Protein backbone atom coordinates (compact mmCIF):
# COMPACT_ATOMS: atom_id res chain seq x y z
CA MET A 1 -13.94 0.02 -19.17
CA SER A 2 -14.59 2.07 -16.02
CA VAL A 3 -17.10 -0.54 -14.84
CA MET A 4 -14.58 -3.31 -15.41
CA CYS A 5 -11.99 -1.38 -13.45
CA ALA A 6 -14.32 -0.77 -10.55
CA ALA A 7 -15.51 -4.33 -10.49
CA LEU A 8 -12.00 -5.70 -10.29
CA LEU A 9 -10.30 -3.27 -8.02
CA SER A 10 -13.05 -1.70 -5.93
CA VAL A 11 -12.19 1.67 -7.35
CA SER A 12 -13.33 4.90 -5.76
CA LEU A 13 -14.51 7.46 -8.32
CA PHE A 14 -14.76 10.21 -5.76
CA SER A 15 -12.41 13.12 -5.14
CA ILE A 16 -9.21 12.70 -3.16
CA ALA A 17 -8.05 14.83 -0.29
CA ALA A 18 -5.88 17.66 -1.53
CA ARG A 19 -3.29 16.98 1.11
CA ALA A 20 -2.25 13.64 -0.35
CA GLU A 21 1.49 13.16 -0.20
CA THR A 22 3.60 12.73 -3.32
CA SER A 23 6.81 10.76 -3.59
CA ALA A 24 8.75 13.99 -3.33
CA GLN A 25 7.11 14.68 0.03
CA ALA A 26 7.56 11.20 1.41
CA LYS A 27 11.13 10.80 2.61
CA VAL A 28 11.76 7.11 3.01
CA LYS A 29 14.96 5.53 4.20
CA GLU A 30 15.66 2.79 1.70
CA ALA A 31 16.21 -0.72 2.99
CA PRO A 32 18.47 -2.91 0.85
CA SER A 33 16.77 -5.33 -1.51
CA ARG A 34 16.95 -9.02 -0.78
CA PHE A 35 15.83 -11.91 -2.95
CA ALA A 36 14.06 -15.15 -2.08
CA LYS A 37 13.84 -18.06 -4.51
CA LEU A 38 10.66 -19.73 -5.72
CA ASP A 39 10.58 -22.28 -8.55
CA GLY A 40 13.83 -20.82 -9.88
CA MET A 41 12.50 -17.25 -9.77
CA ARG A 42 13.99 -14.45 -7.74
CA VAL A 43 11.41 -12.68 -5.58
CA ARG A 44 12.54 -9.28 -4.36
CA TYR A 45 11.67 -8.09 -0.89
CA ARG A 46 12.47 -5.39 1.62
CA ASP A 47 13.21 -6.33 5.26
CA SER A 48 13.38 -3.46 7.74
CA GLY A 49 12.41 -2.29 11.19
CA LYS A 50 13.02 -4.14 14.40
CA GLY A 51 11.66 -7.29 15.92
CA GLY A 52 12.05 -11.02 15.95
CA SER A 53 10.33 -13.76 13.98
CA ASP A 54 6.93 -12.00 13.71
CA ALA A 55 6.45 -9.29 11.09
CA LEU A 56 4.07 -6.89 9.38
CA VAL A 57 3.95 -7.95 5.72
CA PHE A 58 2.73 -5.67 2.91
CA VAL A 59 1.44 -7.23 -0.33
CA HIS A 60 0.75 -4.91 -3.28
CA GLY A 61 -1.98 -5.08 -5.88
CA TRP A 62 -2.26 -5.83 -9.60
CA THR A 63 0.68 -4.46 -11.63
CA CYS A 64 1.96 -2.51 -8.61
CA ASN A 65 5.12 -3.02 -6.56
CA LEU A 66 6.38 -2.75 -3.00
CA ASN A 67 7.01 1.00 -3.34
CA PHE A 68 3.26 1.60 -3.23
CA TRP A 69 3.67 1.04 0.53
CA ARG A 70 6.53 3.51 0.93
CA MET A 71 4.43 5.89 3.06
CA GLN A 72 3.90 3.10 5.58
CA PHE A 73 7.56 2.16 6.03
CA PRO A 74 8.65 5.14 8.18
CA ALA A 75 5.63 4.76 10.46
CA PHE A 76 6.21 1.08 11.18
CA ASP A 77 9.96 0.57 10.85
CA ALA A 78 10.38 2.16 14.29
CA LYS A 79 7.73 -0.09 15.83
CA THR A 80 8.10 -3.60 14.45
CA ARG A 81 9.67 -5.74 11.75
CA VAL A 82 8.40 -4.85 8.29
CA ILE A 83 8.49 -6.97 5.13
CA ALA A 84 7.30 -5.83 1.70
CA LEU A 85 7.75 -7.77 -1.52
CA ASP A 86 7.43 -7.51 -5.27
CA LEU A 87 5.16 -10.38 -6.29
CA PRO A 88 6.51 -12.55 -9.13
CA GLY A 89 6.26 -10.65 -12.41
CA HIS A 90 6.18 -7.29 -10.64
CA GLY A 91 8.71 -4.65 -9.67
CA GLU A 92 12.24 -6.07 -9.48
CA SER A 93 11.17 -9.72 -9.16
CA ASP A 94 11.70 -12.09 -12.09
CA LYS A 95 9.07 -12.07 -14.83
CA PRO A 96 9.12 -15.41 -16.67
CA GLN A 97 6.52 -16.43 -19.24
CA ILE A 98 4.40 -18.50 -16.87
CA THR A 99 0.85 -18.51 -15.55
CA TYR A 100 0.45 -16.06 -12.68
CA THR A 101 -2.13 -17.08 -10.09
CA MET A 102 -3.14 -16.19 -6.54
CA GLU A 103 -1.73 -19.57 -5.52
CA LEU A 104 1.67 -18.70 -7.00
CA PHE A 105 1.63 -15.30 -5.33
CA ALA A 106 0.74 -16.84 -1.95
CA ARG A 107 3.63 -19.26 -2.31
CA ALA A 108 5.89 -16.31 -3.13
CA VAL A 109 4.88 -14.60 0.10
CA ASP A 110 5.74 -17.80 1.97
CA ALA A 111 9.09 -18.08 0.18
CA VAL A 112 9.95 -14.54 1.29
CA LEU A 113 8.96 -15.24 4.89
CA ARG A 114 11.04 -18.41 4.96
CA ASP A 115 14.03 -16.62 3.45
CA ALA A 116 13.68 -13.82 6.02
CA GLY A 117 13.19 -16.19 8.94
CA VAL A 118 9.69 -14.90 9.70
CA LYS A 119 7.50 -17.43 11.51
CA ARG A 120 4.21 -15.51 11.78
CA ALA A 121 2.82 -12.42 10.08
CA VAL A 122 0.10 -9.82 9.99
CA LEU A 123 -0.55 -9.65 6.24
CA VAL A 124 -1.72 -6.40 4.65
CA GLY A 125 -3.06 -6.77 1.11
CA HIS A 126 -4.11 -4.03 -1.29
CA SER A 127 -6.57 -4.75 -4.11
CA MET A 128 -5.38 -7.99 -5.76
CA GLY A 129 -3.19 -8.41 -2.69
CA VAL A 130 -6.36 -9.24 -0.73
CA PRO A 131 -7.06 -12.57 -2.50
CA VAL A 132 -3.31 -13.22 -2.29
CA VAL A 133 -3.15 -12.87 1.49
CA ARG A 134 -6.41 -14.77 1.83
CA GLN A 135 -4.93 -17.63 -0.20
CA PHE A 136 -1.83 -17.46 2.01
CA TYR A 137 -4.08 -17.83 5.06
CA ARG A 138 -5.79 -20.87 3.52
CA LYS A 139 -2.43 -22.53 2.91
CA TYR A 140 -0.56 -21.40 6.03
CA PRO A 141 -3.06 -20.60 8.82
CA GLU A 142 -0.44 -21.31 11.47
CA LYS A 143 1.71 -18.49 10.05
CA THR A 144 -1.11 -15.92 9.94
CA LEU A 145 -1.69 -13.61 12.91
CA ALA A 146 -4.21 -11.30 11.20
CA LEU A 147 -5.35 -10.08 7.77
CA VAL A 148 -5.76 -6.48 6.61
CA ASN A 149 -7.88 -5.68 3.56
CA VAL A 150 -7.04 -2.40 1.81
CA ASP A 151 -9.82 -1.72 -0.70
CA GLY A 152 -10.12 -5.28 -1.91
CA ALA A 153 -13.05 -7.62 -2.42
CA LEU A 154 -13.87 -10.85 -0.58
CA ARG A 155 -16.36 -11.93 -3.24
CA PRO A 156 -16.32 -11.54 -7.03
CA PHE A 157 -18.29 -8.78 -8.69
CA VAL A 158 -19.18 -11.06 -11.61
CA PRO A 159 -19.25 -14.86 -11.98
CA GLY A 160 -16.01 -16.43 -13.16
CA ALA A 161 -17.64 -17.55 -16.40
CA GLU A 162 -18.18 -13.90 -17.35
CA TRP A 163 -14.70 -12.70 -16.45
CA GLU A 164 -13.09 -13.36 -19.83
CA LYS A 165 -15.07 -10.55 -21.47
CA PHE A 166 -13.14 -8.16 -19.21
CA VAL A 167 -9.80 -9.87 -19.84
CA ALA A 168 -10.12 -10.08 -23.64
CA PRO A 169 -9.47 -6.37 -24.41
CA MET A 170 -6.16 -6.60 -22.58
CA ARG A 171 -4.83 -9.45 -24.70
CA GLY A 172 -4.36 -7.46 -27.89
CA PRO A 173 -1.76 -5.02 -29.25
CA ASN A 174 -3.52 -2.04 -27.63
CA TYR A 175 -2.82 -3.31 -24.12
CA LYS A 176 -1.17 -0.14 -22.85
CA GLU A 177 -4.03 2.02 -24.07
CA VAL A 178 -6.62 -0.29 -22.50
CA ALA A 179 -4.72 -0.68 -19.23
CA GLY A 180 -3.90 3.02 -19.12
CA LYS A 181 -7.57 3.98 -19.27
CA MET A 182 -8.36 1.44 -16.59
CA ILE A 183 -5.65 2.81 -14.31
CA GLU A 184 -6.82 6.38 -14.88
CA GLY A 185 -10.29 5.27 -13.80
CA MET A 186 -8.88 4.34 -10.41
CA MET A 187 -7.95 7.96 -9.75
CA PRO A 188 -10.43 10.82 -10.30
CA PRO A 189 -9.45 14.04 -12.12
CA GLN A 190 -8.86 15.83 -8.81
CA HIS A 191 -6.13 13.36 -7.89
CA PRO A 192 -2.71 15.10 -7.49
CA ALA A 193 -1.00 14.98 -10.89
CA ALA A 194 2.41 13.88 -9.59
CA LEU A 195 1.00 10.90 -7.72
CA LYS A 196 -1.31 10.03 -10.60
CA ASP A 197 1.58 10.00 -13.09
CA GLU A 198 3.75 7.96 -10.75
CA VAL A 199 1.09 5.32 -10.19
CA LYS A 200 0.25 5.00 -13.89
CA THR A 201 3.90 4.81 -14.95
CA ALA A 202 4.69 2.13 -12.39
CA MET A 203 1.68 -0.01 -13.25
CA LEU A 204 2.22 0.18 -17.01
CA ALA A 205 5.82 -0.93 -16.48
CA THR A 206 4.57 -4.40 -15.57
CA PRO A 207 4.85 -6.62 -18.69
CA GLN A 208 1.65 -7.40 -20.56
CA HIS A 209 2.01 -11.17 -20.14
CA VAL A 210 2.13 -10.76 -16.36
CA ALA A 211 -0.73 -8.26 -16.20
CA VAL A 212 -3.07 -10.31 -18.39
CA SER A 213 -2.31 -13.59 -16.64
CA ALA A 214 -2.80 -12.14 -13.15
CA PHE A 215 -5.95 -10.33 -14.26
CA ALA A 216 -7.38 -13.54 -15.70
CA ALA A 217 -6.54 -15.41 -12.49
CA MET A 218 -8.86 -13.16 -10.55
CA GLY A 219 -11.75 -14.77 -12.40
CA ASP A 220 -11.06 -18.12 -10.75
CA ASP A 221 -14.09 -18.97 -8.61
CA ALA A 222 -11.90 -21.07 -6.30
CA ILE A 223 -10.27 -17.99 -4.78
CA TRP A 224 -13.63 -16.48 -3.81
CA THR A 225 -15.05 -19.25 -1.64
CA ASP A 226 -16.71 -18.18 1.62
CA ASP A 227 -14.48 -20.18 3.95
CA GLN A 228 -14.12 -18.46 7.31
CA ILE A 229 -11.30 -16.15 8.29
CA LYS A 230 -10.73 -17.12 11.92
CA VAL A 231 -8.03 -14.56 12.71
CA PRO A 232 -8.57 -10.86 13.45
CA ALA A 233 -9.24 -8.79 10.34
CA LEU A 234 -9.28 -5.11 9.39
CA ALA A 235 -10.95 -3.76 6.24
CA VAL A 236 -10.32 -0.19 5.08
CA LEU A 237 -12.30 0.53 1.91
CA ALA A 238 -12.83 3.51 -0.39
CA ARG A 239 -16.50 4.37 -0.69
CA ASN A 240 -17.78 3.86 -4.22
CA PRO A 241 -21.10 2.89 -5.83
CA PHE A 242 -19.95 -0.63 -6.68
CA TRP A 243 -19.91 -1.86 -3.08
CA PRO A 244 -23.30 -3.49 -2.32
CA ALA A 245 -25.44 -1.98 0.42
CA ASP A 246 -24.91 -5.04 2.60
CA ASN A 247 -21.14 -5.12 2.06
CA GLU A 248 -20.23 -4.90 5.74
CA ALA A 249 -22.59 -7.76 6.59
CA ARG A 250 -21.07 -9.83 3.79
CA PHE A 251 -17.58 -9.15 5.07
CA ARG A 252 -18.59 -10.11 8.61
CA GLN A 253 -20.03 -13.42 7.41
CA VAL A 254 -16.55 -14.35 6.20
CA ALA A 255 -14.52 -12.59 8.91
CA PRO A 256 -16.45 -12.44 12.21
CA ASP A 257 -13.62 -10.72 14.12
CA LEU A 258 -13.64 -7.68 11.82
CA ASP A 259 -12.86 -3.98 12.20
CA TYR A 260 -14.64 -2.43 9.19
CA ARG A 261 -13.96 1.08 7.86
CA MET A 262 -15.41 2.84 4.79
CA TRP A 263 -13.64 6.09 3.89
CA ASP A 264 -14.89 9.02 1.85
CA GLY A 265 -12.70 11.28 -0.26
CA VAL A 266 -10.06 8.71 -1.19
CA SER A 267 -9.15 6.77 -4.30
CA HIS A 268 -8.36 3.08 -4.67
CA PHE A 269 -4.85 3.91 -3.40
CA LEU A 270 -6.09 5.14 -0.05
CA MET A 271 -2.89 4.22 1.83
CA MET A 272 -1.12 6.75 -0.40
CA ASP A 273 -3.92 9.32 -0.37
CA LYS A 274 -4.18 9.54 3.42
CA PRO A 275 -1.06 7.84 4.74
CA GLN A 276 -1.19 9.29 8.23
CA GLU A 277 -4.80 8.27 8.77
CA PHE A 278 -4.17 4.84 7.31
CA ASN A 279 -1.10 4.29 9.47
CA GLU A 280 -2.95 5.42 12.59
CA THR A 281 -5.82 3.07 11.76
CA LEU A 282 -3.44 0.15 11.34
CA VAL A 283 -1.61 0.99 14.58
CA ALA A 284 -4.92 1.14 16.44
CA PHE A 285 -5.95 -2.25 15.05
CA LEU A 286 -2.64 -3.90 15.95
CA THR A 287 -2.75 -2.37 19.41
CA SER A 288 -6.33 -3.48 20.05
CA LYS A 289 -5.44 -7.05 19.06
CA ARG A 290 -2.12 -6.97 20.95
CA LEU A 291 -0.20 -7.85 17.81
CA LEU A 292 3.42 -6.97 16.93
CA LEU A 293 3.61 -3.57 18.63
CA PRO A 294 5.03 -3.02 22.13
CA GLN A 295 2.23 -3.02 24.68
CA LYS A 296 1.95 -0.24 27.26
């Protein structure tokens, strides 16, 4: 199970910095929830900060929700317009019995941007959010200013034909036990207990039908094609043994204008483990590309 987890979510099995912030430490001013509509579903999002029709858009990972970005909101609300959403089936968005795909999720991001009046975006995806924002870019290149990869893959770890053997254990009555072990594998024993419990509780709250469908969708070979990313890109990854030795070169083949970072001492949830460092890295990237932030 730990191999499956790592293969899907690029999990770091190394220790986390002891100074990671917990939800009790992170004081976030709540923005009111708003809802966009997509195919009759309500898609919840948060719209905050300041700015016009361009925005910084945060897209969470598998079975997560927009609150996984809460440590980024205070840092960027004062600098630019910030959008974060609950993908369909997640968080406070509707959860119908449908097939959940990266295509659907990309359309949900677009529905939110249209509802919010956002014309162009820098899209930040975590884990499964990476193929989501990449699919958004394929569909709406004119709306995409840049892409940010937070510990997500650009290529599959196993061929799509082999993916079902990883999905199958999640389909049965022991889903929460199977998923719980997988989630625990994303965070090493040294991970702060409060943050670990919060992450696991939130992820297990996502209904099984959503989790299994979205998990299965990540085995679709069509979402892993090597078409070029022609906008600026930032990749911030957690070092783990499942990244191939030539990973940076592989990333650069797909995204030539790439700022590539590999961090030690963080888990898969590196934006929560080291929020200040992550926020500073993102600010530096946006500044270097003259995107969103006021220029000196």
